[in-house]
Amino acid sequence: MKTGLNIWIYFLILAGLSACDTKQDWFDSGISSPYHDCSIMEYLQKDTANWKLTVELIERAELTHIFEGKDPNYKEITFFAPPSLSILRYVWDKASGKEQFPGDPDRWRALSEDEKNHPEHLVQALDKDWCREMVLRHVIKGKHLKDEIAFQNRDYEIEAEEQTGGTDFTCESGNKLRAYREKTNYGGVTDAGAIFMYLYSFDAMEMVPLASPDIQPLNGVVHALNYNYVLGKI
């Protein structure tokens, strides 16, 4: 009887151990790569969810050749890319009469009510020179990656004259930016965490919200701006 009881207990223990098996299924989905075997323009055109109106703005400005890498003066560029939602919010605010619409009034009045409800038509109604200036506010000659940006001198605010850190840029529209990196703490260890890149606009006198840096098509780099970026505040 005792032997039988011991055998029964043994099987119960085995069943319990098998029930505690912590093996998990997992799938190797690969490693995300920042590299894209295409031009910046082609990269933007492929992702309509994020860049549809960005592409429309570039085309309206007649600057497609720069983003395709076909302009000999712009073999490589750095593009602080405004997302579609930023452009959509801007043109809708303007079109609703909250602010003056930066386009041809006759062209705007010629749009049907249905066309006015489609953002791509709103972009096409914008003034070409205005679009060109706006796009070039986000463009710097040359390819400037996150790792090339200097760290901020923490003794001073990033916009201070005494600031010796960061990397200053002048965009193709003449507006001035200061990019910089900052280290973060991790597990109680100073500067052991992730390194983030930030952007300050001297013209707007405020921070420019970055989302994803170092997207690298063949003719430069895209630093994607956040959805809460206000178009022109750069």
C-alpha atoms as a PDB file:
ATOM      1  CA  MET A   1       0.000   0.000   0.000  1.00  0.00           C
ATOM      2  CA  LYS A   2       2.804   2.372   0.912  1.00  0.00           C
ATOM      3  CA  THR A   3       4.611   1.541  -2.326  1.00  0.00           C
ATOM      4  CA  GLY A   4       1.503   2.264  -4.371  1.00  0.00           C
ATOM      5  CA  LEU A   5       1.036   5.581  -2.610  1.00  0.00           C
ATOM      6  CA  ASN A   6       4.649   6.580  -3.333  1.00  0.00           C
ATOM      7  CA  ILE A   7       4.204   5.765  -7.045  1.00  0.00           C
ATOM      8  CA  TRP A   8       1.020   7.881  -7.156  1.00  0.00           C
ATOM      9  CA  ILE A   9       2.812  10.830  -5.548  1.00  0.00           C
ATOM     10  CA  TYR A  10       5.671  10.449  -8.036  1.00  0.00           C
ATOM     11  CA  PHE A  11       3.297  10.712 -11.011  1.00  0.00           C
ATOM     12  CA  LEU A  12       1.612  13.776  -9.492  1.00  0.00           C
ATOM     13  CA  ILE A  13       4.991  15.496  -9.173  1.00  0.00           C
ATOM     14  CA  LEU A  14       5.842  14.739 -12.812  1.00  0.00           C
ATOM     15  CA  ALA A  15       2.505  16.101 -13.966  1.00  0.00           C
ATOM     16  CA  GLY A  16       3.046  19.260 -11.958  1.00  0.00           C
ATOM     17  CA  LEU A  17       6.499  19.812 -13.425  1.00  0.00           C
ATOM     18  CA  SER A  18       5.245  19.373 -16.971  1.00  0.00           C
ATOM     19  CA  ALA A  19       2.467  21.885 -16.294  1.00  0.00           C
ATOM     20  CA  CYS A  20       5.112  24.417 -15.174  1.00  0.00           C
ATOM     21  CA  ASP A  21       6.966  24.240 -18.484  1.00  0.00           C
ATOM     22  CA  THR A  22       7.883  27.865 -19.350  1.00  0.00           C
ATOM     23  CA  LYS A  23       8.899  27.234 -22.957  1.00  0.00           C
ATOM     24  CA  GLN A  24       7.514  29.972 -25.242  1.00  0.00           C
ATOM     25  CA  ASP A  25       7.081  30.038 -28.978  1.00  0.00           C
ATOM     26  CA  TRP A  26       8.840  32.945 -30.712  1.00  0.00           C
ATOM     27  CA  PHE A  27       9.265  34.116 -34.258  1.00  0.00           C
ATOM     28  CA  ASP A  28      12.370  35.665 -35.736  1.00  0.00           C
ATOM     29  CA  SER A  29      11.038  38.709 -37.596  1.00  0.00           C
ATOM     30  CA  GLY A  30      14.498  40.014 -38.415  1.00  0.00           C
ATOM     31  CA  ILE A  31      16.287  43.215 -37.434  1.00  0.00           C
ATOM     32  CA  SER A  32      14.915  46.591 -38.420  1.00  0.00           C
ATOM     33  CA  SER A  33      17.285  48.280 -40.838  1.00  0.00           C
ATOM     34  CA  PRO A  34      17.562  52.047 -41.340  1.00  0.00           C
ATOM     35  CA  TYR A  35      18.817  51.558 -44.902  1.00  0.00           C
ATOM     36  CA  HIS A  36      16.566  51.844 -47.957  1.00  0.00           C
ATOM     37  CA  ASP A  37      17.696  50.951 -51.475  1.00  0.00           C
ATOM     38  CA  CYS A  38      15.954  53.893 -53.102  1.00  0.00           C
ATOM     39  CA  SER A  39      15.962  57.676 -53.203  1.00  0.00           C
ATOM     40  CA  ILE A  40      14.473  59.823 -50.449  1.00  0.00           C
ATOM     41  CA  MET A  41      11.571  60.645 -52.773  1.00  0.00           C
ATOM     42  CA  GLU A  42      10.870  56.983 -53.435  1.00  0.00           C
ATOM     43  CA  TYR A  43      11.055  56.198 -49.712  1.00  0.00           C
ATOM     44  CA  LEU A  44       8.467  58.892 -48.971  1.00  0.00           C
ATOM     45  CA  GLN A  45       6.217  57.787 -51.837  1.00  0.00           C
ATOM     46  CA  LYS A  46       6.156  54.189 -50.572  1.00  0.00           C
ATOM     47  CA  ASP A  47       4.776  55.138 -47.148  1.00  0.00           C
ATOM     48  CA  THR A  48       1.573  56.998 -47.939  1.00  0.00           C
ATOM     49  CA  ALA A  49       0.275  56.663 -44.373  1.00  0.00           C
ATOM     50  CA  ASN A  50       3.026  58.937 -43.054  1.00  0.00           C
ATOM     51  CA  TRP A  51       4.229  60.938 -46.054  1.00  0.00           C
ATOM     52  CA  LYS A  52       1.433  61.354 -48.631  1.00  0.00           C
ATOM     53  CA  LEU A  53       1.045  65.104 -48.096  1.00  0.00           C
ATOM     54  CA  THR A  54       4.799  65.511 -47.626  1.00  0.00           C
ATOM     55  CA  VAL A  55       5.208  64.201 -51.161  1.00  0.00           C
ATOM     56  CA  GLU A  56       2.401  66.494 -52.372  1.00  0.00           C
ATOM     57  CA  LEU A  57       4.147  69.496 -50.799  1.00  0.00           C
ATOM     58  CA  ILE A  58       7.496  68.621 -52.416  1.00  0.00           C
ATOM     59  CA  GLU A  59       5.844  68.157 -55.802  1.00  0.00           C
ATOM     60  CA  ARG A  60       3.910  71.405 -55.508  1.00  0.00           C
ATOM     61  CA  ALA A  61       7.204  73.167 -54.684  1.00  0.00           C
ATOM     62  CA  GLU A  62       8.745  71.600 -57.828  1.00  0.00           C
ATOM     63  CA  LEU A  63      11.650  70.256 -55.779  1.00  0.00           C
ATOM     64  CA  THR A  64      11.272  66.577 -56.658  1.00  0.00           C
ATOM     65  CA  HIS A  65      14.691  66.487 -58.361  1.00  0.00           C
ATOM     66  CA  ILE A  66      16.442  67.332 -55.084  1.00  0.00           C
ATOM     67  CA  PHE A  67      14.760  64.463 -53.246  1.00  0.00           C
ATOM     68  CA  GLU A  68      15.456  62.094 -56.120  1.00  0.00           C
ATOM     69  CA  GLY A  69      19.182  62.899 -55.948  1.00  0.00           C
ATOM     70  CA  LYS A  70      19.206  64.265 -59.492  1.00  0.00           C
ATOM     71  CA  ASP A  71      20.374  67.797 -58.680  1.00  0.00           C
ATOM     72  CA  PRO A  72      24.209  68.014 -58.882  1.00  0.00           C
ATOM     73  CA  ASN A  73      24.171  70.658 -56.142  1.00  0.00           C
ATOM     74  CA  TYR A  74      22.324  68.313 -53.796  1.00  0.00           C
ATOM     75  CA  LYS A  75      23.910  64.909 -54.211  1.00  0.00           C
ATOM     76  CA  GLU A  76      23.059  64.174 -50.570  1.00  0.00           C
ATOM     77  CA  ILE A  77      20.687  65.977 -48.239  1.00  0.00           C
ATOM     78  CA  THR A  78      19.464  65.851 -44.664  1.00  0.00           C
ATOM     79  CA  PHE A  79      15.675  66.138 -44.491  1.00  0.00           C
ATOM     80  CA  PHE A  80      13.874  66.943 -41.247  1.00  0.00           C
ATOM     81  CA  ALA A  81      10.670  65.480 -42.623  1.00  0.00           C
ATOM     82  CA  PRO A  82       7.295  66.931 -41.584  1.00  0.00           C
ATOM     83  CA  PRO A  83       4.681  64.139 -41.507  1.00  0.00           C
ATOM     84  CA  SER A  84       1.408  64.276 -43.414  1.00  0.00           C
ATOM     85  CA  LEU A  85      -0.590  64.973 -40.259  1.00  0.00           C
ATOM     86  CA  SER A  86       1.370  68.165 -39.595  1.00  0.00           C
ATOM     87  CA  ILE A  87       0.687  69.395 -43.126  1.00  0.00           C
ATOM     88  CA  LEU A  88      -2.955  68.337 -42.948  1.00  0.00           C
ATOM     89  CA  ARG A  89      -3.518  70.231 -39.701  1.00  0.00           C
ATOM     90  CA  TYR A  90      -1.822  73.307 -41.131  1.00  0.00           C
ATOM     91  CA  VAL A  91      -3.751  73.516 -44.405  1.00  0.00           C
ATOM     92  CA  TRP A  92      -7.086  72.758 -42.753  1.00  0.00           C
ATOM     93  CA  ASP A  93      -6.508  75.503 -40.186  1.00  0.00           C
ATOM     94  CA  LYS A  94      -5.672  77.911 -42.994  1.00  0.00           C
ATOM     95  CA  ALA A  95      -8.537  76.804 -45.230  1.00  0.00           C
ATOM     96  CA  SER A  96     -11.066  77.109 -42.402  1.00  0.00           C
ATOM     97  CA  GLY A  97     -10.271  80.805 -42.155  1.00  0.00           C
ATOM     98  CA  LYS A  98      -8.400  80.700 -38.861  1.00  0.00           C
ATOM     99  CA  GLU A  99      -5.425  82.284 -40.596  1.00  0.00           C
ATOM    100  CA  GLN A 100      -4.701  83.680 -44.060  1.00  0.00           C
ATOM    101  CA  PHE A 101      -4.451  80.906 -46.643  1.00  0.00           C
ATOM    102  CA  PRO A 102      -0.932  80.982 -48.214  1.00  0.00           C
ATOM    103  CA  GLY A 103      -2.083  80.461 -51.758  1.00  0.00           C
ATOM    104  CA  ASP A 104      -3.833  81.859 -54.778  1.00  0.00           C
ATOM    105  CA  PRO A 105      -7.346  83.001 -53.700  1.00  0.00           C
ATOM    106  CA  ASP A 106      -8.718  82.387 -57.194  1.00  0.00           C
ATOM    107  CA  ARG A 107      -7.283  78.883 -57.245  1.00  0.00           C
ATOM    108  CA  TRP A 108      -8.761  78.245 -53.802  1.00  0.00           C
ATOM    109  CA  ARG A 109     -12.207  79.580 -54.797  1.00  0.00           C
ATOM    110  CA  ALA A 110     -12.129  77.453 -57.962  1.00  0.00           C
ATOM    111  CA  LEU A 111     -12.045  74.246 -55.898  1.00  0.00           C
ATOM    112  CA  SER A 112     -15.351  72.467 -55.434  1.00  0.00           C
ATOM    113  CA  GLU A 113     -16.627  71.744 -51.926  1.00  0.00           C
ATOM    114  CA  ASP A 114     -15.742  68.091 -52.454  1.00  0.00           C
ATOM    115  CA  GLU A 115     -12.192  68.985 -53.503  1.00  0.00           C
ATOM    116  CA  LYS A 116     -11.803  71.201 -50.433  1.00  0.00           C
ATOM    117  CA  ASN A 117     -12.474  68.125 -48.295  1.00  0.00           C
ATOM    118  CA  HIS A 118      -9.494  66.291 -49.789  1.00  0.00           C
ATOM    119  CA  PRO A 119      -6.115  67.366 -48.363  1.00  0.00           C
ATOM    120  CA  GLU A 120      -4.180  66.756 -51.578  1.00  0.00           C
ATOM    121  CA  HIS A 121      -6.294  69.398 -53.317  1.00  0.00           C
ATOM    122  CA  LEU A 122      -5.628  71.824 -50.473  1.00  0.00           C
ATOM    123  CA  VAL A 123      -1.880  71.353 -50.964  1.00  0.00           C
ATOM    124  CA  GLN A 124      -2.254  71.879 -54.709  1.00  0.00           C
ATOM    125  CA  ALA A 125      -3.938  75.216 -54.000  1.00  0.00           C
ATOM    126  CA  LEU A 126      -0.948  76.473 -52.014  1.00  0.00           C
ATOM    127  CA  ASP A 127       1.369  79.065 -53.533  1.00  0.00           C
ATOM    128  CA  LYS A 128       4.367  77.399 -55.211  1.00  0.00           C
ATOM    129  CA  ASP A 129       6.907  79.878 -53.867  1.00  0.00           C
ATOM    130  CA  TRP A 130       5.502  79.450 -50.367  1.00  0.00           C
ATOM    131  CA  CYS A 131       5.742  75.655 -50.720  1.00  0.00           C
ATOM    132  CA  ARG A 132       9.327  75.910 -51.945  1.00  0.00           C
ATOM    133  CA  GLU A 133      10.359  78.084 -48.993  1.00  0.00           C
ATOM    134  CA  MET A 134       8.554  75.759 -46.573  1.00  0.00           C
ATOM    135  CA  VAL A 135      10.139  72.578 -47.928  1.00  0.00           C
ATOM    136  CA  LEU A 136      13.636  74.105 -47.948  1.00  0.00           C
ATOM    137  CA  ARG A 137      13.223  75.115 -44.288  1.00  0.00           C
ATOM    138  CA  HIS A 138      13.567  71.388 -43.596  1.00  0.00           C
ATOM    139  CA  VAL A 139      16.532  70.656 -45.898  1.00  0.00           C
ATOM    140  CA  ILE A 140      20.283  70.801 -45.179  1.00  0.00           C
ATOM    141  CA  LYS A 141      22.980  70.071 -47.730  1.00  0.00           C
ATOM    142  CA  GLY A 142      24.953  66.913 -47.020  1.00  0.00           C
ATOM    143  CA  LYS A 143      24.219  63.815 -44.978  1.00  0.00           C
ATOM    144  CA  HIS A 144      24.304  64.413 -41.216  1.00  0.00           C
ATOM    145  CA  LEU A 145      23.663  61.359 -39.054  1.00  0.00           C
ATOM    146  CA  LYS A 146      22.738  61.260 -35.381  1.00  0.00           C
ATOM    147  CA  ASP A 147      26.167  59.910 -34.341  1.00  0.00           C
ATOM    148  CA  GLU A 148      27.859  62.947 -35.922  1.00  0.00           C
ATOM    149  CA  ILE A 149      25.910  65.405 -33.765  1.00  0.00           C
ATOM    150  CA  ALA A 150      27.750  66.840 -30.750  1.00  0.00           C
ATOM    151  CA  PHE A 151      26.478  66.407 -27.208  1.00  0.00           C
ATOM    152  CA  GLN A 152      24.971  69.331 -25.326  1.00  0.00           C
ATOM    153  CA  ASN A 153      27.089  71.086 -22.721  1.00  0.00           C
ATOM    154  CA  ARG A 154      24.832  70.550 -19.720  1.00  0.00           C
ATOM    155  CA  ASP A 155      26.160  73.624 -17.955  1.00  0.00           C
ATOM    156  CA  TYR A 156      24.068  75.831 -20.266  1.00  0.00           C
ATOM    157  CA  GLU A 157      20.679  75.864 -21.935  1.00  0.00           C
ATOM    158  CA  ILE A 158      20.871  74.685 -25.546  1.00  0.00           C
ATOM    159  CA  GLU A 159      20.006  78.148 -26.945  1.00  0.00           C
ATOM    160  CA  ALA A 160      22.445  80.044 -24.693  1.00  0.00           C
ATOM    161  CA  GLU A 161      25.303  82.008 -26.245  1.00  0.00           C
ATOM    162  CA  GLU A 162      27.669  80.252 -23.834  1.00  0.00           C
ATOM    163  CA  GLN A 163      26.629  76.829 -25.160  1.00  0.00           C
ATOM    164  CA  THR A 164      29.688  75.020 -26.531  1.00  0.00           C
ATOM    165  CA  GLY A 165      27.921  71.772 -27.438  1.00  0.00           C
ATOM    166  CA  GLY A 166      25.521  70.774 -30.163  1.00  0.00           C
ATOM    167  CA  THR A 167      25.929  71.143 -33.916  1.00  0.00           C
ATOM    168  CA  ASP A 168      24.633  74.226 -35.716  1.00  0.00           C
ATOM    169  CA  PHE A 169      23.055  74.091 -39.174  1.00  0.00           C
ATOM    170  CA  THR A 170      21.668  76.602 -41.657  1.00  0.00           C
ATOM    171  CA  CYS A 171      18.850  75.193 -43.761  1.00  0.00           C
ATOM    172  CA  GLU A 172      18.394  75.981 -47.446  1.00  0.00           C
ATOM    173  CA  SER A 173      15.801  78.652 -46.589  1.00  0.00           C
ATOM    174  CA  GLY A 174      18.244  80.362 -44.234  1.00  0.00           C
ATOM    175  CA  ASN A 175      16.635  79.315 -40.931  1.00  0.00           C
ATOM    176  CA  LYS A 176      19.089  78.208 -38.251  1.00  0.00           C
ATOM    177  CA  LEU A 177      18.941  75.029 -36.180  1.00  0.00           C
ATOM    178  CA  ARG A 178      20.982  73.475 -33.411  1.00  0.00           C
ATOM    179  CA  ALA A 179      20.937  69.696 -33.179  1.00  0.00           C
ATOM    180  CA  TYR A 180      22.338  67.971 -30.129  1.00  0.00           C
ATOM    181  CA  ARG A 181      22.525  64.642 -28.353  1.00  0.00           C
ATOM    182  CA  GLU A 182      21.886  63.777 -24.719  1.00  0.00           C
ATOM    183  CA  LYS A 183      22.767  60.710 -22.686  1.00  0.00           C
ATOM    184  CA  THR A 184      20.261  59.228 -20.256  1.00  0.00           C
ATOM    185  CA  ASN A 185      20.650  57.268 -17.047  1.00  0.00           C
ATOM    186  CA  TYR A 186      19.880  53.572 -16.732  1.00  0.00           C
ATOM    187  CA  GLY A 187      19.552  51.396 -13.650  1.00  0.00           C
ATOM    188  CA  GLY A 188      20.887  54.152 -11.451  1.00  0.00           C
ATOM    189  CA  VAL A 189      24.029  54.487 -13.575  1.00  0.00           C
ATOM    190  CA  THR A 190      24.696  57.969 -14.962  1.00  0.00           C
ATOM    191  CA  ASP A 191      24.800  58.201 -18.782  1.00  0.00           C
ATOM    192  CA  ALA A 192      24.400  54.431 -19.178  1.00  0.00           C
ATOM    193  CA  GLY A 193      21.053  54.639 -20.976  1.00  0.00           C
ATOM    194  CA  ALA A 194      19.922  55.444 -24.476  1.00  0.00           C
ATOM    195  CA  ILE A 195      21.257  58.454 -26.368  1.00  0.00           C
ATOM    196  CA  PHE A 196      18.629  60.746 -27.848  1.00  0.00           C
ATOM    197  CA  MET A 197      18.870  63.420 -30.527  1.00  0.00           C
ATOM    198  CA  TYR A 198      17.095  66.764 -30.160  1.00  0.00           C
ATOM    199  CA  LEU A 199      16.559  69.804 -32.360  1.00  0.00           C
ATOM    200  CA  TYR A 200      16.224  73.485 -31.452  1.00  0.00           C
ATOM    201  CA  SER A 201      15.066  76.208 -33.853  1.00  0.00           C
ATOM    202  CA  PHE A 202      16.575  79.673 -33.375  1.00  0.00           C
ATOM    203  CA  ASP A 203      13.931  81.152 -35.692  1.00  0.00           C
ATOM    204  CA  ALA A 204      10.942  79.645 -33.883  1.00  0.00           C
ATOM    205  CA  MET A 205      12.753  79.888 -30.518  1.00  0.00           C
ATOM    206  CA  GLU A 206      11.486  76.465 -29.483  1.00  0.00           C
ATOM    207  CA  MET A 207      12.268  72.777 -29.628  1.00  0.00           C
ATOM    208  CA  VAL A 208      11.385  70.880 -32.796  1.00  0.00           C
ATOM    209  CA  PRO A 209       9.879  67.455 -31.913  1.00  0.00           C
ATOM    210  CA  LEU A 210      11.827  64.583 -33.465  1.00  0.00           C
ATOM    211  CA  ALA A 211      10.400  61.084 -33.857  1.00  0.00           C
ATOM    212  CA  SER A 212      12.785  58.759 -35.746  1.00  0.00           C
ATOM    213  CA  PRO A 213      16.299  59.788 -36.788  1.00  0.00           C
ATOM    214  CA  ASP A 214      18.700  58.164 -39.243  1.00  0.00           C
ATOM    215  CA  ILE A 215      16.373  56.778 -41.915  1.00  0.00           C
ATOM    216  CA  GLN A 216      18.867  56.310 -44.739  1.00  0.00           C
ATOM    217  CA  PRO A 217      17.834  56.121 -48.398  1.00  0.00           C
ATOM    218  CA  LEU A 218      20.592  56.283 -51.024  1.00  0.00           C
ATOM    219  CA  ASN A 219      20.883  60.072 -51.352  1.00  0.00           C
ATOM    220  CA  GLY A 220      20.923  61.230 -47.748  1.00  0.00           C
ATOM    221  CA  VAL A 221      19.164  60.857 -44.426  1.00  0.00           C
ATOM    222  CA  VAL A 222      15.645  61.496 -43.159  1.00  0.00           C
ATOM    223  CA  HIS A 223      15.084  62.570 -39.565  1.00  0.00           C
ATOM    224  CA  ALA A 224      11.327  62.158 -39.154  1.00  0.00           C
ATOM    225  CA  LEU A 225       9.560  64.847 -37.142  1.00  0.00           C
ATOM    226  CA  ASN A 226       6.807  63.971 -34.681  1.00  0.00           C
ATOM    227  CA  TYR A 227       3.078  64.141 -35.429  1.00  0.00           C
ATOM    228  CA  ASN A 228       2.710  67.094 -33.042  1.00  0.00           C
ATOM    229  CA  TYR A 229       5.148  69.198 -35.069  1.00  0.00           C
ATOM    230  CA  VAL A 230       3.574  72.470 -36.213  1.00  0.00           C
ATOM    231  CA  LEU A 231       4.487  73.048 -39.853  1.00  0.00           C
ATOM    232  CA  GLY A 232       6.878  75.972 -40.207  1.00  0.00           C
ATOM    233  CA  LYS A 233       8.014  76.016 -36.570  1.00  0.00           C
ATOM    234  CA  ILE A 234      11.566  75.116 -37.504  1.00  0.00           C
END
